[in-house]
Amino acid sequence: MIQGNQSGSVLQVRTIGGVGLFSLSSGLNTGSIVLEYVTDRFDNDVTNGIQDPVTALEAVPVNNSVAQAPLSLPDLADQEAVVGLPFAAVFPIQGGVAPYTWSAIALPSGLAISNDGIVSGVPQGPGSYSGVITVVDAQGTKVSGNVKFTVAAGASVPNPLTVNGCVSNGTAVCSLPAGNVGEAYLYSLSVTGGNASDPVVWTFAPATLPAGLRGSSTGNNGVISGTPTASCNARFLVTATRGSVTVTQQVAVQIGANTAACP
């Protein structure tokens, strides 16, 4: 706070007609500054001591930028997608103060929204869906909009991928050879199907491989390797992508005699 030759967190300000003038400055942080006003009911003069204090509090919001226009989501266009085919859409935004935080609910299964407001993924089921897109700007202003998704059944994939001959719906568990604590483990996953000329990219999620093991994409194979350090039964998902075709498979690896799930 600044007034005349005074500065700091406490000022003595003379008033004229009940009005006292001072300046308030802040750094780059945003939030609120709480001011406490104190006057003397006895003689309305704080410079000669306070005999009968009167106190009031006021919160002053602090922003490091000002919106040029109110935050808004223009009319969100209806979206069309097809089961099993990659989908992506970007929704426009107007006004507010960047950066923005995005979220969404009731999206079709298989789709999600990123921090940049991009809805993407591979739809898993046909039907009509009414999603809600929400954006919050840097000043905490929030707006939401409804968007309709129509997901068509689409044609079945003519040459689907299969991991090691397992049922590729992510629910049936494909058991790999067991391992032992302290002994090197190496197993290579493979796929059949898809366009053989396209390379295969493997990902492992969530990160629940047994302690000491890791997953990697080597050539067209998904390799699990390392030296286990704990006895447990691990279940995790592996995903193989070849061109535009993707398959996700639940996999189990038993390490040692302990059949409890890995932490």
C-alpha atoms as a PDB file:
ATOM      1  CA  MET A   1       0.000   0.000   0.000  1.00  0.00           C
ATOM      2  CA  ILE A   2       1.225   3.500  -0.844  1.00  0.00           C
ATOM      3  CA  GLN A   3       0.057   6.939   0.261  1.00  0.00           C
ATOM      4  CA  GLY A   4       2.265  10.026   0.072  1.00  0.00           C
ATOM      5  CA  ASN A   5       5.637   9.135   1.560  1.00  0.00           C
ATOM      6  CA  GLN A   6       4.160   6.088   3.350  1.00  0.00           C
ATOM      7  CA  SER A   7       4.400   2.534   2.078  1.00  0.00           C
ATOM      8  CA  GLY A   8       4.012  -0.912   3.611  1.00  0.00           C
ATOM      9  CA  SER A   9       1.315  -3.100   5.063  1.00  0.00           C
ATOM     10  CA  VAL A  10       0.048  -0.443   7.492  1.00  0.00           C
ATOM     11  CA  LEU A  11      -0.823   3.149   6.544  1.00  0.00           C
ATOM     12  CA  GLN A  12      -2.283   6.107   8.437  1.00  0.00           C
ATOM     13  CA  VAL A  13      -4.568   7.909   5.990  1.00  0.00           C
ATOM     14  CA  ARG A  14      -6.276  11.238   6.632  1.00  0.00           C
ATOM     15  CA  THR A  15      -9.828  11.495   5.329  1.00  0.00           C
ATOM     16  CA  ILE A  16     -11.657  14.390   3.752  1.00  0.00           C
ATOM     17  CA  GLY A  17     -15.416  14.133   3.958  1.00  0.00           C
ATOM     18  CA  GLY A  18     -14.994  10.550   5.099  1.00  0.00           C
ATOM     19  CA  VAL A  19     -12.851   9.588   2.053  1.00  0.00           C
ATOM     20  CA  GLY A  20      -9.238   8.475   2.358  1.00  0.00           C
ATOM     21  CA  LEU A  21      -7.040   7.904  -0.703  1.00  0.00           C
ATOM     22  CA  PHE A  22      -4.259   5.366  -1.064  1.00  0.00           C
ATOM     23  CA  SER A  23      -2.822   3.031  -3.713  1.00  0.00           C
ATOM     24  CA  LEU A  24      -2.660  -0.753  -3.646  1.00  0.00           C
ATOM     25  CA  SER A  25      -0.070  -2.684  -5.646  1.00  0.00           C
ATOM     26  CA  SER A  26       0.560  -6.405  -6.113  1.00  0.00           C
ATOM     27  CA  GLY A  27       3.021  -8.800  -7.713  1.00  0.00           C
ATOM     28  CA  LEU A  28       2.265 -11.402 -10.379  1.00  0.00           C
ATOM     29  CA  ASN A  29       0.354 -13.728  -8.067  1.00  0.00           C
ATOM     30  CA  THR A  30      -3.416 -13.817  -8.392  1.00  0.00           C
ATOM     31  CA  GLY A  31      -5.994 -14.249  -5.646  1.00  0.00           C
ATOM     32  CA  SER A  32      -7.356 -11.805  -3.062  1.00  0.00           C
ATOM     33  CA  ILE A  33      -5.859  -9.150  -0.797  1.00  0.00           C
ATOM     34  CA  VAL A  34      -7.743  -8.616   2.472  1.00  0.00           C
ATOM     35  CA  LEU A  35      -7.783  -5.018   3.680  1.00  0.00           C
ATOM     36  CA  GLU A  36      -8.587  -4.124   7.294  1.00  0.00           C
ATOM     37  CA  TYR A  37      -9.882  -0.607   7.835  1.00  0.00           C
ATOM     38  CA  VAL A  38      -9.647   0.850  11.357  1.00  0.00           C
ATOM     39  CA  THR A  39     -10.848   4.300  12.423  1.00  0.00           C
ATOM     40  CA  ASP A  40     -11.476   5.975  15.764  1.00  0.00           C
ATOM     41  CA  ARG A  41     -15.132   6.486  16.579  1.00  0.00           C
ATOM     42  CA  PHE A  42     -14.073   8.970  19.266  1.00  0.00           C
ATOM     43  CA  ASP A  43     -12.645  11.657  16.959  1.00  0.00           C
ATOM     44  CA  ASN A  44     -12.176   9.988  13.535  1.00  0.00           C
ATOM     45  CA  ASP A  45      -8.419  10.597  13.830  1.00  0.00           C
ATOM     46  CA  VAL A  46      -6.022   7.643  14.044  1.00  0.00           C
ATOM     47  CA  THR A  47      -2.872   9.772  14.177  1.00  0.00           C
ATOM     48  CA  ASN A  48      -3.410  10.704  17.827  1.00  0.00           C
ATOM     49  CA  GLY A  49      -4.203   7.199  19.039  1.00  0.00           C
ATOM     50  CA  ILE A  50      -7.324   5.087  18.885  1.00  0.00           C
ATOM     51  CA  GLN A  51      -9.731   5.218  21.822  1.00  0.00           C
ATOM     52  CA  ASP A  52     -12.823   3.592  20.293  1.00  0.00           C
ATOM     53  CA  PRO A  53     -11.843   1.476  17.250  1.00  0.00           C
ATOM     54  CA  VAL A  54     -14.226   0.702  14.400  1.00  0.00           C
ATOM     55  CA  THR A  55     -13.029  -2.086  12.093  1.00  0.00           C
ATOM     56  CA  ALA A  56     -14.145  -3.377   8.702  1.00  0.00           C
ATOM     57  CA  LEU A  57     -12.692  -5.967   6.298  1.00  0.00           C
ATOM     58  CA  GLU A  58     -12.724  -5.909   2.494  1.00  0.00           C
ATOM     59  CA  ALA A  59     -11.386  -8.489  -0.010  1.00  0.00           C
ATOM     60  CA  VAL A  60      -9.835  -7.033  -3.182  1.00  0.00           C
ATOM     61  CA  PRO A  61      -9.459  -9.507  -6.092  1.00  0.00           C
ATOM     62  CA  VAL A  62      -6.090  -9.531  -7.872  1.00  0.00           C
ATOM     63  CA  ASN A  63      -5.753 -10.518 -11.536  1.00  0.00           C
ATOM     64  CA  ASN A  64      -2.691 -10.358 -13.756  1.00  0.00           C
ATOM     65  CA  SER A  65      -4.812  -9.877 -16.887  1.00  0.00           C
ATOM     66  CA  VAL A  66      -8.284  -8.755 -17.833  1.00  0.00           C
ATOM     67  CA  ALA A  67     -10.605 -10.576 -20.225  1.00  0.00           C
ATOM     68  CA  GLN A  68     -11.341  -8.579 -23.358  1.00  0.00           C
ATOM     69  CA  ALA A  69     -14.605 -10.480 -23.783  1.00  0.00           C
ATOM     70  CA  PRO A  70     -16.687 -12.788 -21.575  1.00  0.00           C
ATOM     71  CA  LEU A  71     -15.717 -16.466 -21.613  1.00  0.00           C
ATOM     72  CA  SER A  72     -18.068 -18.452 -23.854  1.00  0.00           C
ATOM     73  CA  LEU A  73     -18.400 -21.681 -25.801  1.00  0.00           C
ATOM     74  CA  PRO A  74     -20.070 -20.971 -29.145  1.00  0.00           C
ATOM     75  CA  ASP A  75     -22.763 -23.370 -30.313  1.00  0.00           C
ATOM     76  CA  LEU A  76     -21.139 -26.806 -30.319  1.00  0.00           C
ATOM     77  CA  ALA A  77     -21.707 -28.638 -33.585  1.00  0.00           C
ATOM     78  CA  ASP A  78     -23.092 -32.183 -33.543  1.00  0.00           C
ATOM     79  CA  GLN A  79     -20.376 -34.794 -33.976  1.00  0.00           C
ATOM     80  CA  GLU A  80     -20.443 -38.046 -35.951  1.00  0.00           C
ATOM     81  CA  ALA A  81     -18.148 -41.015 -35.354  1.00  0.00           C
ATOM     82  CA  VAL A  82     -17.872 -44.697 -36.204  1.00  0.00           C
ATOM     83  CA  VAL A  83     -17.231 -47.572 -33.822  1.00  0.00           C
ATOM     84  CA  GLY A  84     -13.641 -48.788 -34.073  1.00  0.00           C
ATOM     85  CA  LEU A  85     -12.359 -45.826 -36.090  1.00  0.00           C
ATOM     86  CA  PRO A  86     -10.165 -43.048 -34.644  1.00  0.00           C
ATOM     87  CA  PHE A  87     -12.037 -39.823 -33.862  1.00  0.00           C
ATOM     88  CA  ALA A  88     -10.855 -36.313 -32.976  1.00  0.00           C
ATOM     89  CA  ALA A  89     -12.614 -32.944 -32.609  1.00  0.00           C
ATOM     90  CA  VAL A  90     -11.609 -29.511 -31.338  1.00  0.00           C
ATOM     91  CA  PHE A  91     -14.229 -27.196 -29.844  1.00  0.00           C
ATOM     92  CA  PRO A  92     -13.887 -23.399 -30.211  1.00  0.00           C
ATOM     93  CA  ILE A  93     -13.740 -21.000 -27.307  1.00  0.00           C
ATOM     94  CA  GLN A  94     -14.118 -17.237 -27.120  1.00  0.00           C
ATOM     95  CA  GLY A  95     -13.098 -14.631 -24.557  1.00  0.00           C
ATOM     96  CA  GLY A  96     -11.849 -15.272 -21.055  1.00  0.00           C
ATOM     97  CA  VAL A  97      -8.207 -15.345 -20.018  1.00  0.00           C
ATOM     98  CA  ALA A  98      -5.829 -18.155 -20.993  1.00  0.00           C
ATOM     99  CA  PRO A  99      -4.755 -20.732 -19.981  1.00  0.00           C
ATOM    100  CA  TYR A 100      -7.946 -22.774 -20.004  1.00  0.00           C
ATOM    101  CA  THR A 101      -8.758 -26.044 -18.239  1.00  0.00           C
ATOM    102  CA  TRP A 102     -11.080 -28.462 -20.031  1.00  0.00           C
ATOM    103  CA  SER A 103     -13.219 -31.332 -18.785  1.00  0.00           C
ATOM    104  CA  ALA A 104     -16.120 -33.386 -20.109  1.00  0.00           C
ATOM    105  CA  ILE A 105     -18.749 -35.856 -18.936  1.00  0.00           C
ATOM    106  CA  ALA A 106     -21.042 -38.337 -20.708  1.00  0.00           C
ATOM    107  CA  LEU A 107     -18.758 -38.748 -23.726  1.00  0.00           C
ATOM    108  CA  PRO A 108     -19.115 -41.922 -25.806  1.00  0.00           C
ATOM    109  CA  SER A 109     -17.130 -44.840 -24.405  1.00  0.00           C
ATOM    110  CA  GLY A 110     -13.594 -44.738 -25.780  1.00  0.00           C
ATOM    111  CA  LEU A 111     -13.402 -40.939 -26.066  1.00  0.00           C
ATOM    112  CA  ALA A 112     -11.740 -38.478 -23.683  1.00  0.00           C
ATOM    113  CA  ILE A 113     -10.893 -34.784 -23.615  1.00  0.00           C
ATOM    114  CA  SER A 114      -7.319 -33.479 -23.309  1.00  0.00           C
ATOM    115  CA  ASN A 115      -6.039 -30.431 -21.440  1.00  0.00           C
ATOM    116  CA  ASP A 116      -6.082 -28.604 -24.783  1.00  0.00           C
ATOM    117  CA  GLY A 117      -9.780 -29.250 -25.359  1.00  0.00           C
ATOM    118  CA  ILE A 118      -9.322 -32.004 -27.949  1.00  0.00           C
ATOM    119  CA  VAL A 119     -11.845 -34.856 -27.766  1.00  0.00           C
ATOM    120  CA  SER A 120     -10.267 -37.958 -29.244  1.00  0.00           C
ATOM    121  CA  GLY A 121     -10.142 -41.734 -29.065  1.00  0.00           C
ATOM    122  CA  VAL A 122     -11.781 -44.763 -30.642  1.00  0.00           C
ATOM    123  CA  PRO A 123     -15.547 -45.079 -29.981  1.00  0.00           C
ATOM    124  CA  GLN A 124     -16.491 -48.466 -28.530  1.00  0.00           C
ATOM    125  CA  GLY A 125     -20.275 -48.618 -28.922  1.00  0.00           C
ATOM    126  CA  PRO A 126     -22.928 -47.245 -31.306  1.00  0.00           C
ATOM    127  CA  GLY A 127     -25.685 -44.864 -30.249  1.00  0.00           C
ATOM    128  CA  SER A 128     -26.522 -41.245 -29.506  1.00  0.00           C
ATOM    129  CA  TYR A 129     -24.770 -39.498 -26.643  1.00  0.00           C
ATOM    130  CA  SER A 130     -25.282 -36.084 -25.045  1.00  0.00           C
ATOM    131  CA  GLY A 131     -21.940 -34.914 -23.709  1.00  0.00           C
ATOM    132  CA  VAL A 132     -21.174 -31.845 -21.616  1.00  0.00           C
ATOM    133  CA  ILE A 133     -17.997 -29.852 -22.309  1.00  0.00           C
ATOM    134  CA  THR A 134     -16.752 -27.521 -19.548  1.00  0.00           C
ATOM    135  CA  VAL A 135     -13.945 -24.964 -19.699  1.00  0.00           C
ATOM    136  CA  VAL A 136     -12.499 -22.844 -16.875  1.00  0.00           C
ATOM    137  CA  ASP A 137     -10.245 -19.874 -17.585  1.00  0.00           C
ATOM    138  CA  ALA A 138      -7.317 -18.527 -15.575  1.00  0.00           C
ATOM    139  CA  GLN A 139      -9.619 -16.292 -13.520  1.00  0.00           C
ATOM    140  CA  GLY A 140     -11.861 -19.181 -12.488  1.00  0.00           C
ATOM    141  CA  THR A 141     -14.745 -18.284 -14.803  1.00  0.00           C
ATOM    142  CA  LYS A 142     -16.540 -21.469 -15.919  1.00  0.00           C
ATOM    143  CA  VAL A 143     -18.845 -22.158 -18.855  1.00  0.00           C
ATOM    144  CA  SER A 144     -20.342 -25.415 -20.127  1.00  0.00           C
ATOM    145  CA  GLY A 145     -21.951 -26.511 -23.374  1.00  0.00           C
ATOM    146  CA  ASN A 146     -23.853 -29.563 -24.592  1.00  0.00           C
ATOM    147  CA  VAL A 147     -22.697 -31.511 -27.629  1.00  0.00           C
ATOM    148  CA  LYS A 148     -24.398 -34.438 -29.339  1.00  0.00           C
ATOM    149  CA  PHE A 149     -22.389 -37.437 -30.537  1.00  0.00           C
ATOM    150  CA  THR A 150     -23.843 -39.916 -33.009  1.00  0.00           C
ATOM    151  CA  VAL A 151     -21.740 -43.088 -33.185  1.00  0.00           C
ATOM    152  CA  ALA A 152     -22.508 -45.443 -36.074  1.00  0.00           C
ATOM    153  CA  ALA A 153     -21.929 -49.184 -35.801  1.00  0.00           C
ATOM    154  CA  GLY A 154     -19.643 -49.255 -38.834  1.00  0.00           C
ATOM    155  CA  ALA A 155     -18.283 -52.272 -40.651  1.00  0.00           C
ATOM    156  CA  SER A 156     -16.359 -54.947 -38.792  1.00  0.00           C
ATOM    157  CA  VAL A 157     -12.598 -54.898 -39.169  1.00  0.00           C
ATOM    158  CA  PRO A 158     -11.821 -57.436 -41.918  1.00  0.00           C
ATOM    159  CA  ASN A 159      -8.517 -58.554 -40.462  1.00  0.00           C
ATOM    160  CA  PRO A 160      -8.463 -57.806 -36.710  1.00  0.00           C
ATOM    161  CA  LEU A 161      -5.356 -58.054 -34.565  1.00  0.00           C
ATOM    162  CA  THR A 162      -4.912 -60.874 -32.058  1.00  0.00           C
ATOM    163  CA  VAL A 163      -2.281 -60.949 -29.313  1.00  0.00           C
ATOM    164  CA  ASN A 164      -0.644 -64.377 -29.029  1.00  0.00           C
ATOM    165  CA  GLY A 165      -3.904 -66.010 -30.128  1.00  0.00           C
ATOM    166  CA  CYS A 166      -5.781 -64.681 -27.062  1.00  0.00           C
ATOM    167  CA  VAL A 167      -9.281 -63.289 -27.132  1.00  0.00           C
ATOM    168  CA  SER A 168      -8.643 -59.619 -27.852  1.00  0.00           C
ATOM    169  CA  ASN A 169     -11.402 -57.851 -25.902  1.00  0.00           C
ATOM    170  CA  GLY A 170      -9.328 -56.806 -22.909  1.00  0.00           C
ATOM    171  CA  THR A 171     -11.300 -58.945 -20.446  1.00  0.00           C
ATOM    172  CA  ALA A 172     -10.119 -62.518 -21.092  1.00  0.00           C
ATOM    173  CA  VAL A 173      -6.740 -62.910 -19.430  1.00  0.00           C
ATOM    174  CA  CYS A 174      -3.775 -64.136 -21.442  1.00  0.00           C
ATOM    175  CA  SER A 175      -1.368 -65.912 -19.058  1.00  0.00           C
ATOM    176  CA  LEU A 176       2.342 -65.692 -19.833  1.00  0.00           C
ATOM    177  CA  PRO A 177       5.039 -68.060 -18.536  1.00  0.00           C
ATOM    178  CA  ALA A 178       5.747 -67.692 -14.816  1.00  0.00           C
ATOM    179  CA  GLY A 179       8.955 -66.235 -13.439  1.00  0.00           C
ATOM    180  CA  ASN A 180      10.968 -66.361 -10.244  1.00  0.00           C
ATOM    181  CA  VAL A 181      12.323 -63.661  -7.958  1.00  0.00           C
ATOM    182  CA  GLY A 182      15.977 -62.885  -8.728  1.00  0.00           C
ATOM    183  CA  GLU A 183      15.985 -64.747 -12.062  1.00  0.00           C
ATOM    184  CA  ALA A 184      16.134 -62.963 -15.417  1.00  0.00           C
ATOM    185  CA  TYR A 185      12.807 -62.944 -17.264  1.00  0.00           C
ATOM    186  CA  LEU A 186      12.258 -62.421 -20.977  1.00  0.00           C
ATOM    187  CA  TYR A 187       9.086 -62.880 -22.995  1.00  0.00           C
ATOM    188  CA  SER A 188       8.174 -61.555 -26.423  1.00  0.00           C
ATOM    189  CA  LEU A 189       4.550 -60.804 -27.339  1.00  0.00           C
ATOM    190  CA  SER A 190       3.453 -60.945 -30.954  1.00  0.00           C
ATOM    191  CA  VAL A 191       0.338 -60.187 -32.977  1.00  0.00           C
ATOM    192  CA  THR A 192      -1.386 -61.661 -35.983  1.00  0.00           C
ATOM    193  CA  GLY A 193      -3.708 -59.800 -38.332  1.00  0.00           C
ATOM    194  CA  GLY A 194      -3.772 -56.331 -39.790  1.00  0.00           C
ATOM    195  CA  ASN A 195      -1.583 -55.188 -42.671  1.00  0.00           C
ATOM    196  CA  ALA A 196       1.673 -57.112 -42.359  1.00  0.00           C
ATOM    197  CA  SER A 197       3.580 -54.269 -44.026  1.00  0.00           C
ATOM    198  CA  ASP A 198       2.677 -51.864 -41.187  1.00  0.00           C
ATOM    199  CA  PRO A 199       4.945 -51.819 -38.113  1.00  0.00           C
ATOM    200  CA  VAL A 200       3.509 -52.738 -34.709  1.00  0.00           C
ATOM    201  CA  VAL A 201       3.764 -50.309 -31.792  1.00  0.00           C
ATOM    202  CA  TRP A 202       3.313 -51.678 -28.262  1.00  0.00           C
ATOM    203  CA  THR A 203       2.303 -49.811 -25.108  1.00  0.00           C
ATOM    204  CA  PHE A 204       1.908 -51.124 -21.563  1.00  0.00           C
ATOM    205  CA  ALA A 205      -0.687 -49.595 -19.224  1.00  0.00           C
ATOM    206  CA  PRO A 206      -1.301 -49.175 -16.434  1.00  0.00           C
ATOM    207  CA  ALA A 207       2.230 -49.385 -15.048  1.00  0.00           C
ATOM    208  CA  THR A 208       1.568 -52.499 -12.959  1.00  0.00           C
ATOM    209  CA  LEU A 209       4.249 -54.788 -14.293  1.00  0.00           C
ATOM    210  CA  PRO A 210       5.905 -56.828 -11.539  1.00  0.00           C
ATOM    211  CA  ALA A 211       8.664 -54.912  -9.756  1.00  0.00           C
ATOM    212  CA  GLY A 212      11.896 -55.303 -11.715  1.00  0.00           C
ATOM    213  CA  LEU A 213      10.230 -55.924 -15.078  1.00  0.00           C
ATOM    214  CA  ARG A 214       9.625 -53.439 -17.885  1.00  0.00           C
ATOM    215  CA  GLY A 215       7.800 -53.427 -21.194  1.00  0.00           C
ATOM    216  CA  SER A 216       9.196 -52.199 -24.487  1.00  0.00           C
ATOM    217  CA  SER A 217       8.381 -52.137 -28.185  1.00  0.00           C
ATOM    218  CA  THR A 218      11.120 -53.947 -30.098  1.00  0.00           C
ATOM    219  CA  GLY A 219      10.580 -54.359 -33.813  1.00  0.00           C
ATOM    220  CA  ASN A 220       7.065 -55.775 -34.167  1.00  0.00           C
ATOM    221  CA  ASN A 221       7.205 -57.466 -30.766  1.00  0.00           C
ATOM    222  CA  GLY A 222       6.255 -56.311 -27.300  1.00  0.00           C
ATOM    223  CA  VAL A 223       9.025 -57.416 -24.964  1.00  0.00           C
ATOM    224  CA  ILE A 224       8.706 -57.934 -21.204  1.00  0.00           C
ATOM    225  CA  SER A 225      12.117 -58.248 -19.599  1.00  0.00           C
ATOM    226  CA  GLY A 226      14.139 -57.710 -16.440  1.00  0.00           C
ATOM    227  CA  THR A 227      14.705 -59.429 -13.097  1.00  0.00           C
ATOM    228  CA  PRO A 228      11.665 -59.680 -10.785  1.00  0.00           C
ATOM    229  CA  THR A 229      12.252 -58.473  -7.239  1.00  0.00           C
ATOM    230  CA  ALA A 230       8.962 -59.463  -5.570  1.00  0.00           C
ATOM    231  CA  SER A 231       6.686 -62.507  -5.600  1.00  0.00           C
ATOM    232  CA  CYS A 232       3.124 -61.679  -6.727  1.00  0.00           C
ATOM    233  CA  ASN A 233       0.592 -62.108  -9.528  1.00  0.00           C
ATOM    234  CA  ALA A 234       0.590 -59.187 -11.944  1.00  0.00           C
ATOM    235  CA  ARG A 235      -2.238 -58.250 -14.287  1.00  0.00           C
ATOM    236  CA  PHE A 236      -1.857 -55.400 -16.748  1.00  0.00           C
ATOM    237  CA  LEU A 237      -2.975 -54.247 -20.195  1.00  0.00           C
ATOM    238  CA  VAL A 238      -0.882 -54.363 -23.344  1.00  0.00           C
ATOM    239  CA  THR A 239      -1.925 -52.530 -26.503  1.00  0.00           C
ATOM    240  CA  ALA A 240      -0.664 -53.280 -29.996  1.00  0.00           C
ATOM    241  CA  THR A 241      -1.287 -50.831 -32.836  1.00  0.00           C
ATOM    242  CA  ARG A 242      -0.678 -51.709 -36.481  1.00  0.00           C
ATOM    243  CA  GLY A 243      -1.647 -48.930 -38.864  1.00  0.00           C
ATOM    244  CA  SER A 244      -5.213 -47.899 -37.994  1.00  0.00           C
ATOM    245  CA  VAL A 245      -6.000 -51.178 -36.202  1.00  0.00           C
ATOM    246  CA  THR A 246      -5.562 -51.495 -32.427  1.00  0.00           C
ATOM    247  CA  VAL A 247      -6.006 -54.347 -29.969  1.00  0.00           C
ATOM    248  CA  THR A 248      -5.791 -54.272 -26.156  1.00  0.00           C
ATOM    249  CA  GLN A 249      -5.251 -57.446 -24.156  1.00  0.00           C
ATOM    250  CA  GLN A 250      -5.232 -58.204 -20.431  1.00  0.00           C
ATOM    251  CA  VAL A 251      -2.102 -60.158 -19.497  1.00  0.00           C
ATOM    252  CA  ALA A 252      -1.106 -62.049 -16.333  1.00  0.00           C
ATOM    253  CA  VAL A 253       2.380 -62.992 -15.104  1.00  0.00           C
ATOM    254  CA  GLN A 254       2.901 -65.082 -11.948  1.00  0.00           C
ATOM    255  CA  ILE A 255       6.171 -64.355 -10.146  1.00  0.00           C
ATOM    256  CA  GLY A 256       7.172 -66.860  -7.447  1.00  0.00           C
ATOM    257  CA  ALA A 257       4.639 -68.659  -5.223  1.00  0.00           C
ATOM    258  CA  ASN A 258       2.739 -65.641  -3.855  1.00  0.00           C
ATOM    259  CA  THR A 259      -0.585 -65.495  -5.726  1.00  0.00           C
ATOM    260  CA  ALA A 260      -1.639 -62.151  -4.218  1.00  0.00           C
ATOM    261  CA  ALA A 261      -2.010 -59.318  -6.686  1.00  0.00           C
ATOM    262  CA  CYS A 262       1.033 -57.140  -7.228  1.00  0.00           C
ATOM    263  CA  PRO A 263       0.769 -53.727  -5.527  1.00  0.00           C
END
